[in-house]
Amino acid sequence: MPTARIYQRPKNAMQSGKYRTDHWVLEFEPAEAKKPDPLTGWAGSGDTRDQVRLGFPTREAAIAYAEREGLAFTVIPAPERKLKLQAYADNFR
């Protein structure tokens, strides 16, 4: 039986915005380990489920899909957001 992970999209580290961080993603656990290709040296495997990522607007929609399709799943909670309050004058201390 395929297993899946359901998690909330993290904030992009390269930008300050929080675009699409309220969306949830369902992705499958890898069925086999990746191994280097003898010709090119790139990592790969025969598991095509690694390429599938499904997006959902809510956590409940992702869970409902997994239950409807008979997938075993784990929900990974979103990390707590910490605000670092800092004044511009702190750069010169």
N, C-alpha and C. Protein backbone atom coordinates (compact mmCIF):
# COMPACT_ATOMS: atom_id res chain seq x y z
N MET A 1 0.84 -1.17 0.00
CA MET A 1 0.00 0.00 0.00
C MET A 1 0.89 1.24 0.00
N PRO A 2 0.67 2.17 -0.92
CA PRO A 2 1.50 3.37 -0.95
C PRO A 2 1.21 4.28 0.25
N THR A 3 2.26 4.88 0.74
CA THR A 3 2.12 5.82 1.85
C THR A 3 2.41 7.23 1.33
N ALA A 4 1.79 8.20 1.98
CA ALA A 4 1.93 9.59 1.53
C ALA A 4 2.19 10.50 2.71
N ARG A 5 2.77 11.66 2.41
CA ARG A 5 2.98 12.71 3.41
C ARG A 5 2.09 13.88 3.04
N ILE A 6 1.44 14.47 4.01
CA ILE A 6 0.63 15.66 3.81
C ILE A 6 1.25 16.75 4.67
N TYR A 7 1.63 17.86 4.02
CA TYR A 7 2.26 18.94 4.76
C TYR A 7 1.88 20.28 4.15
N GLN A 8 2.08 21.34 4.92
CA GLN A 8 1.80 22.68 4.44
C GLN A 8 3.05 23.23 3.78
N ARG A 9 2.85 23.93 2.67
CA ARG A 9 4.00 24.48 1.95
C ARG A 9 4.75 25.48 2.81
N PRO A 10 6.06 25.38 2.89
CA PRO A 10 6.83 26.35 3.68
C PRO A 10 7.02 27.67 2.92
N LYS A 11 7.39 28.70 3.64
CA LYS A 11 7.67 29.99 3.03
C LYS A 11 8.97 29.89 2.24
N ASN A 12 8.99 30.52 1.10
CA ASN A 12 10.19 30.53 0.27
C ASN A 12 11.29 31.31 0.99
N ALA A 13 12.44 30.71 1.15
CA ALA A 13 13.53 31.34 1.89
C ALA A 13 14.19 32.47 1.09
N MET A 14 13.97 32.50 -0.21
CA MET A 14 14.61 33.51 -1.03
C MET A 14 13.79 34.79 -1.15
N GLN A 15 12.56 34.79 -0.64
CA GLN A 15 11.70 35.96 -0.74
C GLN A 15 11.06 36.23 0.62
N SER A 16 10.62 37.45 0.81
CA SER A 16 10.03 37.81 2.09
C SER A 16 8.53 37.53 2.15
N GLY A 17 7.90 37.29 1.01
CA GLY A 17 6.46 37.07 0.98
C GLY A 17 6.06 35.67 1.43
N LYS A 18 4.77 35.50 1.67
CA LYS A 18 4.24 34.22 2.12
C LYS A 18 3.27 33.64 1.11
N TYR A 19 3.54 33.84 -0.19
CA TYR A 19 2.66 33.39 -1.24
C TYR A 19 2.51 31.86 -1.23
N ARG A 20 1.29 31.39 -1.26
CA ARG A 20 0.92 29.98 -1.32
C ARG A 20 1.34 29.18 -0.09
N THR A 21 1.59 29.82 1.04
CA THR A 21 1.93 29.08 2.24
C THR A 21 0.70 28.50 2.91
N ASP A 22 -0.48 28.90 2.45
CA ASP A 22 -1.71 28.34 3.02
C ASP A 22 -2.16 27.08 2.28
N HIS A 23 -1.44 26.67 1.24
CA HIS A 23 -1.76 25.46 0.49
C HIS A 23 -1.13 24.23 1.14
N TRP A 24 -1.75 23.09 0.93
CA TRP A 24 -1.27 21.82 1.46
C TRP A 24 -0.84 20.92 0.31
N VAL A 25 0.17 20.10 0.54
CA VAL A 25 0.75 19.24 -0.49
C VAL A 25 0.69 17.79 -0.03
N LEU A 26 0.32 16.91 -0.96
CA LEU A 26 0.38 15.47 -0.72
C LEU A 26 1.43 14.91 -1.66
N GLU A 27 2.44 14.26 -1.10
CA GLU A 27 3.47 13.61 -1.92
C GLU A 27 3.73 12.22 -1.37
N PHE A 28 4.11 11.33 -2.25
CA PHE A 28 4.29 9.92 -1.90
C PHE A 28 5.67 9.67 -1.34
N GLU A 29 5.74 8.73 -0.41
CA GLU A 29 7.03 8.28 0.13
C GLU A 29 7.75 7.49 -0.97
N PRO A 30 9.07 7.59 -1.05
CA PRO A 30 9.79 6.81 -2.07
C PRO A 30 9.71 5.31 -1.78
N ALA A 31 9.46 4.53 -2.84
CA ALA A 31 9.33 3.08 -2.70
C ALA A 31 10.70 2.39 -2.72
N GLU A 32 11.67 3.02 -3.40
CA GLU A 32 13.01 2.44 -3.45
C GLU A 32 14.04 3.55 -3.37
N ALA A 33 15.21 3.20 -2.94
CA ALA A 33 16.28 4.19 -2.79
C ALA A 33 16.81 4.61 -4.16
N LYS A 34 17.28 5.83 -4.25
CA LYS A 34 17.89 6.31 -5.48
C LYS A 34 19.32 5.79 -5.57
N LYS A 35 19.74 5.52 -6.78
CA LYS A 35 21.10 5.04 -7.00
C LYS A 35 21.70 5.78 -8.19
N PRO A 36 23.01 5.92 -8.24
CA PRO A 36 23.61 6.67 -9.35
C PRO A 36 23.52 5.90 -10.67
N ASP A 37 23.24 6.65 -11.72
CA ASP A 37 23.20 6.07 -13.06
C ASP A 37 24.63 5.79 -13.50
N PRO A 38 24.91 4.60 -14.05
CA PRO A 38 26.30 4.29 -14.41
C PRO A 38 26.85 5.17 -15.54
N LEU A 39 25.99 5.66 -16.42
CA LEU A 39 26.47 6.45 -17.54
C LEU A 39 26.69 7.91 -17.18
N THR A 40 25.69 8.54 -16.54
CA THR A 40 25.78 9.97 -16.27
C THR A 40 26.18 10.29 -14.84
N GLY A 41 25.94 9.37 -13.89
CA GLY A 41 26.23 9.63 -12.50
C GLY A 41 25.11 10.33 -11.76
N TRP A 42 24.00 10.64 -12.45
CA TRP A 42 22.87 11.30 -11.81
C TRP A 42 22.13 10.31 -10.94
N ALA A 43 21.54 10.79 -9.85
CA ALA A 43 20.77 9.93 -8.96
C ALA A 43 19.38 9.73 -9.54
N GLY A 44 18.89 8.49 -9.48
CA GLY A 44 17.57 8.19 -10.00
C GLY A 44 17.11 6.83 -9.54
N SER A 45 15.84 6.53 -9.82
CA SER A 45 15.28 5.24 -9.48
C SER A 45 14.14 4.94 -10.45
N GLY A 46 13.59 3.75 -10.34
CA GLY A 46 12.48 3.37 -11.19
C GLY A 46 11.13 3.75 -10.62
N ASP A 47 11.13 4.42 -9.47
CA ASP A 47 9.89 4.81 -8.81
C ASP A 47 9.37 6.10 -9.42
N THR A 48 8.24 6.04 -10.12
CA THR A 48 7.69 7.23 -10.76
C THR A 48 6.78 8.03 -9.84
N ARG A 49 6.41 7.47 -8.69
CA ARG A 49 5.55 8.22 -7.77
C ARG A 49 6.31 9.37 -7.13
N ASP A 50 7.62 9.37 -7.22
CA ASP A 50 8.44 10.45 -6.67
C ASP A 50 8.17 11.76 -7.41
N GLN A 51 7.66 11.68 -8.63
CA GLN A 51 7.43 12.85 -9.46
C GLN A 51 6.05 13.48 -9.21
N VAL A 52 5.20 12.82 -8.45
CA VAL A 52 3.82 13.28 -8.27
C VAL A 52 3.70 14.09 -6.99
N ARG A 53 3.21 15.32 -7.12
CA ARG A 53 2.89 16.19 -5.98
C ARG A 53 1.52 16.78 -6.26
N LEU A 54 0.59 16.55 -5.34
CA LEU A 54 -0.76 17.06 -5.48
C LEU A 54 -0.97 18.21 -4.50
N GLY A 55 -1.56 19.30 -4.98
CA GLY A 55 -1.82 20.45 -4.14
C GLY A 55 -3.29 20.54 -3.75
N PHE A 56 -3.55 20.99 -2.54
CA PHE A 56 -4.91 21.12 -2.03
C PHE A 56 -5.05 22.45 -1.31
N PRO A 57 -6.25 23.03 -1.34
CA PRO A 57 -6.43 24.33 -0.67
C PRO A 57 -6.49 24.21 0.85
N THR A 58 -6.93 23.06 1.37
CA THR A 58 -7.04 22.89 2.82
C THR A 58 -6.48 21.53 3.24
N ARG A 59 -6.21 21.42 4.52
CA ARG A 59 -5.72 20.15 5.08
C ARG A 59 -6.79 19.07 4.99
N GLU A 60 -8.04 19.47 5.25
CA GLU A 60 -9.14 18.51 5.22
C GLU A 60 -9.35 17.94 3.82
N ALA A 61 -9.15 18.75 2.79
CA ALA A 61 -9.30 18.27 1.41
C ALA A 61 -8.23 17.23 1.09
N ALA A 62 -7.01 17.46 1.55
CA ALA A 62 -5.92 16.50 1.31
C ALA A 62 -6.18 15.19 2.04
N ILE A 63 -6.67 15.27 3.28
CA ILE A 63 -6.96 14.06 4.05
C ILE A 63 -8.13 13.30 3.42
N ALA A 64 -9.14 14.03 2.96
CA ALA A 64 -10.29 13.38 2.31
C ALA A 64 -9.86 12.65 1.04
N TYR A 65 -8.96 13.24 0.27
CA TYR A 65 -8.46 12.58 -0.95
C TYR A 65 -7.71 11.31 -0.60
N ALA A 66 -6.83 11.38 0.41
CA ALA A 66 -6.04 10.21 0.78
C ALA A 66 -6.94 9.08 1.29
N GLU A 67 -7.95 9.41 2.07
CA GLU A 67 -8.87 8.38 2.56
C GLU A 67 -9.71 7.80 1.44
N ARG A 68 -10.15 8.64 0.50
CA ARG A 68 -10.95 8.16 -0.62
C ARG A 68 -10.16 7.22 -1.52
N GLU A 69 -8.87 7.49 -1.68
CA GLU A 69 -8.03 6.66 -2.54
C GLU A 69 -7.41 5.49 -1.80
N GLY A 70 -7.63 5.38 -0.51
CA GLY A 70 -7.11 4.26 0.28
C GLY A 70 -5.62 4.35 0.54
N LEU A 71 -5.10 5.56 0.70
CA LEU A 71 -3.67 5.76 0.94
C LEU A 71 -3.40 5.84 2.44
N ALA A 72 -2.34 5.22 2.88
CA ALA A 72 -1.87 5.42 4.24
C ALA A 72 -1.11 6.74 4.24
N PHE A 73 -1.38 7.60 5.21
CA PHE A 73 -0.76 8.93 5.18
C PHE A 73 -0.37 9.39 6.57
N THR A 74 0.56 10.34 6.59
CA THR A 74 0.93 11.02 7.83
C THR A 74 0.83 12.51 7.57
N VAL A 75 0.29 13.23 8.53
CA VAL A 75 0.16 14.68 8.43
C VAL A 75 1.30 15.31 9.22
N ILE A 76 2.09 16.12 8.55
CA ILE A 76 3.22 16.80 9.18
C ILE A 76 2.76 18.22 9.51
N PRO A 77 2.69 18.58 10.78
CA PRO A 77 2.20 19.92 11.13
C PRO A 77 3.18 20.99 10.69
N ALA A 78 2.64 22.16 10.41
CA ALA A 78 3.48 23.29 9.99
C ALA A 78 4.29 23.79 11.18
N PRO A 79 5.54 24.16 10.96
CA PRO A 79 6.35 24.66 12.07
C PRO A 79 5.82 26.01 12.57
N GLU A 80 6.03 26.27 13.82
CA GLU A 80 5.60 27.52 14.44
C GLU A 80 6.41 28.66 13.85
N ARG A 81 5.75 29.74 13.47
CA ARG A 81 6.45 30.89 12.93
C ARG A 81 6.90 31.80 14.07
N LYS A 82 8.17 32.14 14.06
CA LYS A 82 8.74 32.99 15.10
C LYS A 82 9.06 34.35 14.50
N LEU A 83 8.60 35.39 15.13
CA LEU A 83 8.91 36.74 14.69
C LEU A 83 10.14 37.23 15.44
N LYS A 84 11.09 37.73 14.70
CA LYS A 84 12.29 38.29 15.30
C LYS A 84 12.17 39.81 15.18
N LEU A 85 11.71 40.42 16.25
CA LEU A 85 11.54 41.87 16.25
C LEU A 85 12.90 42.52 16.48
N GLN A 86 13.26 43.38 15.55
CA GLN A 86 14.58 43.98 15.59
C GLN A 86 14.47 45.40 15.04
N ALA A 87 15.15 46.31 15.65
CA ALA A 87 15.19 47.68 15.17
C ALA A 87 16.43 47.87 14.31
N TYR A 88 16.35 48.84 13.41
CA TYR A 88 17.47 49.16 12.53
C TYR A 88 18.69 49.60 13.34
N ALA A 89 18.46 50.24 14.47
CA ALA A 89 19.57 50.72 15.29
C ALA A 89 20.37 49.56 15.91
N ASP A 90 19.79 48.38 15.99
CA ASP A 90 20.51 47.23 16.54
C ASP A 90 21.69 46.81 15.67
N ASN A 91 21.71 47.20 14.42
CA ASN A 91 22.84 46.87 13.52
C ASN A 91 24.10 47.61 13.89
N PHE A 92 24.00 48.66 14.68
CA PHE A 92 25.16 49.52 14.99
C PHE A 92 25.57 49.43 16.44
N ARG A 93 25.20 48.43 17.14
CA ARG A 93 25.58 48.27 18.55
C ARG A 93 26.84 47.48 18.67
